[in-house]
């Protein structure tokens, strides 16, 4: 059972072959390949390679399923009591959906 821990968009993901993950917008079209070269840890079932901070020569490839997908809305609400002030701001982050294909360590 091989797996890896990759970093994309400031977040870390534990991935295996066949996993589907949502990462921050990559700018890659649907159907194309995405390559993640920031591999922090890689395991092939027997050996575990830990990066310092990255594993040299390791990379994870995946196929982009959806190039631009929106996350659920995050609502921020500001309020000051007794002043008649309130403000609501909403935001939806854009994501790319990737299916992990191959892990090379």
N, C-alpha and C. Protein backbone atom coordinates (compact mmCIF):
# COMPACT_ATOMS: atom_id res chain seq x y z
N UNK A 1 0.85 -1.18 0.00
CA UNK A 1 0.00 0.00 0.00
C UNK A 1 0.89 1.23 0.00
N UNK A 2 1.04 1.86 -1.15
CA UNK A 2 1.88 3.05 -1.23
C UNK A 2 1.02 4.29 -1.00
N UNK A 3 1.62 5.25 -0.34
CA UNK A 3 0.95 6.51 -0.10
C UNK A 3 2.00 7.61 -0.02
N UNK A 4 1.53 8.85 -0.06
CA UNK A 4 2.44 9.99 0.02
C UNK A 4 1.71 11.14 0.69
N UNK A 5 2.49 12.04 1.26
CA UNK A 5 1.95 13.28 1.79
C UNK A 5 2.50 14.40 0.91
N UNK A 6 1.58 15.10 0.25
CA UNK A 6 1.98 16.17 -0.67
C UNK A 6 1.51 17.51 -0.13
N UNK A 7 2.11 18.57 -0.67
CA UNK A 7 1.72 19.91 -0.29
C UNK A 7 1.29 20.65 -1.53
N UNK A 8 0.12 21.29 -1.46
CA UNK A 8 -0.39 22.07 -2.58
C UNK A 8 -1.24 23.21 -2.03
N UNK A 9 -0.90 24.41 -2.41
CA UNK A 9 -1.69 25.56 -1.98
C UNK A 9 -1.62 25.83 -0.49
N UNK A 10 -0.51 25.48 0.15
CA UNK A 10 -0.37 25.71 1.57
C UNK A 10 -1.03 24.67 2.45
N UNK A 11 -1.63 23.65 1.85
CA UNK A 11 -2.26 22.57 2.61
C UNK A 11 -1.56 21.26 2.30
N UNK A 12 -1.67 20.31 3.23
CA UNK A 12 -1.04 19.01 3.05
C UNK A 12 -2.12 17.94 2.90
N UNK A 13 -1.86 16.97 2.02
CA UNK A 13 -2.82 15.91 1.73
C UNK A 13 -2.11 14.56 1.80
N UNK A 14 -2.76 13.57 2.42
CA UNK A 14 -2.28 12.19 2.39
C UNK A 14 -3.02 11.51 1.25
N UNK A 15 -2.28 11.05 0.23
CA UNK A 15 -2.91 10.52 -0.96
C UNK A 15 -2.42 9.11 -1.26
N UNK A 16 -3.30 8.33 -1.88
CA UNK A 16 -2.99 7.00 -2.40
C UNK A 16 -3.45 6.97 -3.85
N UNK A 17 -3.04 5.96 -4.57
CA UNK A 17 -3.47 5.82 -5.95
C UNK A 17 -4.98 5.63 -6.00
N UNK A 18 -5.65 6.42 -6.82
CA UNK A 18 -7.10 6.33 -6.96
C UNK A 18 -7.87 7.32 -6.12
N UNK A 19 -7.22 8.04 -5.20
CA UNK A 19 -7.91 9.04 -4.38
C UNK A 19 -8.32 10.24 -5.22
N UNK A 20 -9.42 10.86 -4.84
CA UNK A 20 -9.88 12.09 -5.48
C UNK A 20 -9.81 13.19 -4.43
N UNK A 21 -9.04 14.26 -4.73
CA UNK A 21 -8.88 15.35 -3.78
C UNK A 21 -9.21 16.68 -4.45
N UNK A 22 -9.58 17.66 -3.63
CA UNK A 22 -9.82 19.02 -4.09
C UNK A 22 -8.69 19.89 -3.58
N UNK A 23 -7.91 20.46 -4.50
CA UNK A 23 -6.81 21.35 -4.15
C UNK A 23 -7.15 22.75 -4.65
N UNK A 24 -6.38 23.75 -4.19
CA UNK A 24 -6.61 25.10 -4.68
C UNK A 24 -6.40 25.15 -6.18
N UNK A 25 -6.97 26.16 -6.80
CA UNK A 25 -7.00 26.28 -8.26
C UNK A 25 -5.60 26.16 -8.86
N UNK A 26 -5.43 25.20 -9.79
CA UNK A 26 -4.13 24.94 -10.40
C UNK A 26 -3.96 25.62 -11.75
N UNK A 27 -5.04 25.90 -12.45
CA UNK A 27 -4.93 26.48 -13.78
C UNK A 27 -4.64 25.45 -14.86
N UNK A 28 -5.04 24.20 -14.62
CA UNK A 28 -4.85 23.11 -15.58
C UNK A 28 -6.23 22.70 -16.08
N UNK A 29 -6.35 22.47 -17.38
CA UNK A 29 -7.63 22.10 -17.97
C UNK A 29 -8.03 20.68 -17.58
N UNK A 30 -9.33 20.41 -17.63
CA UNK A 30 -9.85 19.08 -17.32
C UNK A 30 -9.33 18.08 -18.35
N UNK A 31 -8.96 16.89 -17.88
CA UNK A 31 -8.43 15.85 -18.75
C UNK A 31 -6.91 15.86 -18.86
N UNK A 32 -6.26 16.92 -18.43
CA UNK A 32 -4.81 17.02 -18.48
C UNK A 32 -4.20 16.43 -17.21
N UNK A 33 -2.88 16.29 -17.20
CA UNK A 33 -2.16 15.76 -16.05
C UNK A 33 -1.68 16.89 -15.15
N UNK A 34 -1.74 16.65 -13.86
CA UNK A 34 -1.19 17.59 -12.87
C UNK A 34 -0.07 16.87 -12.13
N UNK A 35 1.04 17.56 -11.92
CA UNK A 35 2.20 16.96 -11.24
C UNK A 35 2.45 17.73 -9.95
N UNK A 36 2.53 16.99 -8.84
CA UNK A 36 2.85 17.56 -7.54
C UNK A 36 4.26 17.13 -7.18
N UNK A 37 5.18 18.08 -7.12
CA UNK A 37 6.57 17.76 -6.83
C UNK A 37 6.96 18.06 -5.39
N UNK A 38 6.06 18.69 -4.64
CA UNK A 38 6.32 18.96 -3.23
C UNK A 38 5.82 17.76 -2.41
N UNK A 39 6.64 16.72 -2.35
CA UNK A 39 6.31 15.49 -1.62
C UNK A 39 7.07 15.53 -0.30
N UNK A 40 6.32 15.50 0.81
CA UNK A 40 6.92 15.59 2.13
C UNK A 40 7.28 14.22 2.69
N UNK A 41 6.52 13.20 2.32
CA UNK A 41 6.74 11.84 2.81
C UNK A 41 6.25 10.88 1.74
N UNK A 42 6.98 9.80 1.53
CA UNK A 42 6.57 8.79 0.55
C UNK A 42 6.80 7.41 1.13
N UNK A 43 5.84 6.52 0.90
CA UNK A 43 5.95 5.15 1.40
C UNK A 43 5.51 4.20 0.29
N UNK A 44 6.25 3.09 0.14
CA UNK A 44 5.88 2.09 -0.85
C UNK A 44 5.34 0.82 -0.21
N UNK A 45 5.00 0.86 1.07
CA UNK A 45 4.49 -0.30 1.79
C UNK A 45 5.53 -0.93 2.68
N UNK A 46 6.81 -0.85 2.29
CA UNK A 46 7.89 -1.40 3.09
C UNK A 46 8.76 -0.29 3.68
N UNK A 47 9.21 0.60 2.80
CA UNK A 47 10.10 1.68 3.21
C UNK A 47 9.33 3.00 3.28
N UNK A 48 9.74 3.84 4.21
CA UNK A 48 9.17 5.17 4.33
C UNK A 48 10.29 6.18 4.14
N UNK A 49 10.11 7.09 3.19
CA UNK A 49 11.10 8.15 2.94
C UNK A 49 10.53 9.45 3.47
N UNK A 50 11.26 10.07 4.38
CA UNK A 50 10.83 11.33 4.98
C UNK A 50 11.71 12.43 4.40
N UNK A 51 11.08 13.49 3.93
CA UNK A 51 11.80 14.58 3.32
C UNK A 51 12.42 15.52 4.34
N UNK A 52 13.39 16.30 3.84
CA UNK A 52 14.06 17.27 4.71
C UNK A 52 14.19 18.60 3.98
N UNK A 53 13.20 19.37 3.68
CA UNK A 53 11.78 19.18 3.95
C UNK A 53 11.05 18.38 2.87
N UNK A 54 11.67 18.21 1.67
CA UNK A 54 11.02 17.47 0.59
C UNK A 54 11.82 16.22 0.25
N UNK A 55 11.12 15.20 -0.25
CA UNK A 55 11.77 13.98 -0.71
C UNK A 55 12.34 14.25 -2.09
N UNK A 56 13.64 14.06 -2.25
CA UNK A 56 14.30 14.37 -3.52
C UNK A 56 13.90 13.35 -4.59
N UNK A 57 13.50 13.86 -5.76
CA UNK A 57 13.16 13.01 -6.88
C UNK A 57 11.77 12.41 -6.83
N UNK A 58 11.02 12.68 -5.80
CA UNK A 58 9.68 12.11 -5.68
C UNK A 58 8.66 13.05 -6.31
N UNK A 59 7.65 12.45 -6.93
CA UNK A 59 6.55 13.25 -7.46
C UNK A 59 5.29 12.40 -7.56
N UNK A 60 4.17 13.09 -7.53
CA UNK A 60 2.86 12.46 -7.60
C UNK A 60 2.15 13.06 -8.80
N UNK A 61 1.63 12.20 -9.67
CA UNK A 61 0.89 12.67 -10.83
C UNK A 61 -0.57 12.32 -10.68
N UNK A 62 -1.41 13.13 -11.28
CA UNK A 62 -2.84 12.89 -11.22
C UNK A 62 -3.54 13.48 -12.44
N UNK A 63 -4.77 13.05 -12.64
CA UNK A 63 -5.57 13.54 -13.75
C UNK A 63 -6.59 14.54 -13.22
N UNK A 64 -6.69 15.68 -13.90
CA UNK A 64 -7.63 16.72 -13.48
C UNK A 64 -9.03 16.32 -13.95
N UNK A 65 -9.95 16.16 -13.00
CA UNK A 65 -11.32 15.79 -13.33
C UNK A 65 -12.16 17.04 -13.61
N UNK A 66 -12.06 18.04 -12.73
CA UNK A 66 -12.76 19.31 -12.91
C UNK A 66 -11.75 20.42 -12.69
N UNK A 67 -11.67 21.34 -13.65
CA UNK A 67 -10.64 22.37 -13.56
C UNK A 67 -11.05 23.53 -12.65
N UNK A 68 -12.34 23.84 -12.58
CA UNK A 68 -12.76 24.96 -11.74
C UNK A 68 -14.05 24.57 -11.03
N UNK A 69 -13.94 24.37 -9.73
CA UNK A 69 -15.05 23.93 -8.90
C UNK A 69 -15.12 24.86 -7.70
N UNK A 70 -16.30 25.21 -7.25
CA UNK A 70 -16.43 26.13 -6.14
C UNK A 70 -16.69 25.38 -4.84
N UNK A 71 -16.01 25.82 -3.80
CA UNK A 71 -16.19 25.26 -2.46
C UNK A 71 -17.46 25.86 -1.85
N UNK A 72 -17.93 25.31 -0.73
CA UNK A 72 -19.08 25.92 -0.05
C UNK A 72 -18.78 27.36 0.38
N UNK A 73 -19.82 28.17 0.45
CA UNK A 73 -19.66 29.58 0.79
C UNK A 73 -19.27 29.74 2.26
N UNK A 74 -18.32 30.63 2.49
CA UNK A 74 -17.91 31.00 3.83
C UNK A 74 -18.44 32.41 4.08
N UNK A 75 -19.20 32.60 5.15
CA UNK A 75 -19.81 33.89 5.44
C UNK A 75 -19.09 34.51 6.63
N UNK A 76 -18.67 35.76 6.44
CA UNK A 76 -18.03 36.52 7.52
C UNK A 76 -18.98 37.65 7.91
N UNK A 77 -19.23 37.82 9.20
CA UNK A 77 -20.18 38.81 9.68
C UNK A 77 -19.51 39.68 10.72
N UNK A 78 -19.51 41.00 10.47
CA UNK A 78 -18.96 41.96 11.43
C UNK A 78 -20.11 42.70 12.09
N UNK A 79 -19.95 42.99 13.38
CA UNK A 79 -21.03 43.62 14.13
C UNK A 79 -20.44 44.40 15.29
N UNK A 80 -20.92 45.63 15.46
CA UNK A 80 -20.53 46.42 16.64
C UNK A 80 -21.81 46.81 17.37
N UNK A 81 -21.88 46.44 18.61
CA UNK A 81 -23.12 46.67 19.35
C UNK A 81 -23.36 48.15 19.61
N UNK A 82 -24.62 48.51 19.61
CA UNK A 82 -25.12 49.86 19.92
C UNK A 82 -24.66 50.93 18.93
N UNK A 83 -24.05 50.57 17.83
CA UNK A 83 -23.57 51.55 16.86
C UNK A 83 -24.34 51.50 15.54
N UNK A 84 -25.19 50.50 15.38
CA UNK A 84 -25.92 50.36 14.13
C UNK A 84 -25.05 49.88 12.98
N UNK A 85 -23.93 49.25 13.30
CA UNK A 85 -22.99 48.79 12.28
C UNK A 85 -23.02 47.28 12.18
N UNK A 86 -23.24 46.78 10.98
CA UNK A 86 -23.06 45.36 10.70
C UNK A 86 -22.74 45.22 9.22
N UNK A 87 -21.98 44.20 8.92
CA UNK A 87 -21.54 43.98 7.55
C UNK A 87 -21.41 42.48 7.31
N UNK A 88 -21.94 42.02 6.18
CA UNK A 88 -21.85 40.62 5.81
C UNK A 88 -21.07 40.49 4.51
N UNK A 89 -20.09 39.60 4.51
CA UNK A 89 -19.28 39.35 3.32
C UNK A 89 -19.23 37.85 3.09
N UNK A 90 -19.47 37.41 1.86
CA UNK A 90 -19.39 36.00 1.51
C UNK A 90 -18.25 35.74 0.55
N UNK A 91 -17.72 34.51 0.57
CA UNK A 91 -16.60 34.15 -0.29
C UNK A 91 -16.70 32.68 -0.65
N UNK A 92 -16.42 32.35 -1.92
CA UNK A 92 -16.36 30.96 -2.36
C UNK A 92 -15.01 30.73 -3.03
N UNK A 93 -14.22 29.85 -2.44
CA UNK A 93 -12.89 29.53 -2.97
C UNK A 93 -13.04 28.61 -4.18
N UNK A 94 -12.19 28.80 -5.17
CA UNK A 94 -12.19 27.93 -6.35
C UNK A 94 -11.19 26.80 -6.14
N UNK A 95 -11.60 25.59 -6.54
CA UNK A 95 -10.79 24.39 -6.36
C UNK A 95 -10.64 23.65 -7.68
N UNK A 96 -9.65 22.77 -7.72
CA UNK A 96 -9.45 21.85 -8.82
C UNK A 96 -9.58 20.43 -8.27
N UNK A 97 -10.39 19.60 -8.91
CA UNK A 97 -10.57 18.22 -8.46
C UNK A 97 -9.61 17.33 -9.23
N UNK A 98 -8.78 16.57 -8.49
CA UNK A 98 -7.72 15.76 -9.09
C UNK A 98 -7.87 14.31 -8.62
N UNK A 99 -7.72 13.37 -9.56
CA UNK A 99 -7.67 11.95 -9.23
C UNK A 99 -6.21 11.52 -9.29
N UNK A 100 -5.71 11.00 -8.17
CA UNK A 100 -4.29 10.64 -8.06
C UNK A 100 -4.05 9.37 -8.87
N UNK A 101 -2.98 9.42 -9.69
CA UNK A 101 -2.68 8.30 -10.57
C UNK A 101 -1.45 7.51 -10.13
N UNK A 102 -0.30 8.17 -10.06
CA UNK A 102 0.95 7.45 -9.83
C UNK A 102 1.78 8.18 -8.79
N UNK A 103 2.42 7.38 -7.92
CA UNK A 103 3.29 7.92 -6.89
C UNK A 103 4.69 7.37 -7.14
N UNK A 104 5.64 8.28 -7.46
CA UNK A 104 7.03 7.88 -7.66
C UNK A 104 7.86 8.41 -6.52
N UNK A 105 8.60 7.51 -5.88
CA UNK A 105 9.43 7.93 -4.74
C UNK A 105 10.89 7.64 -5.02
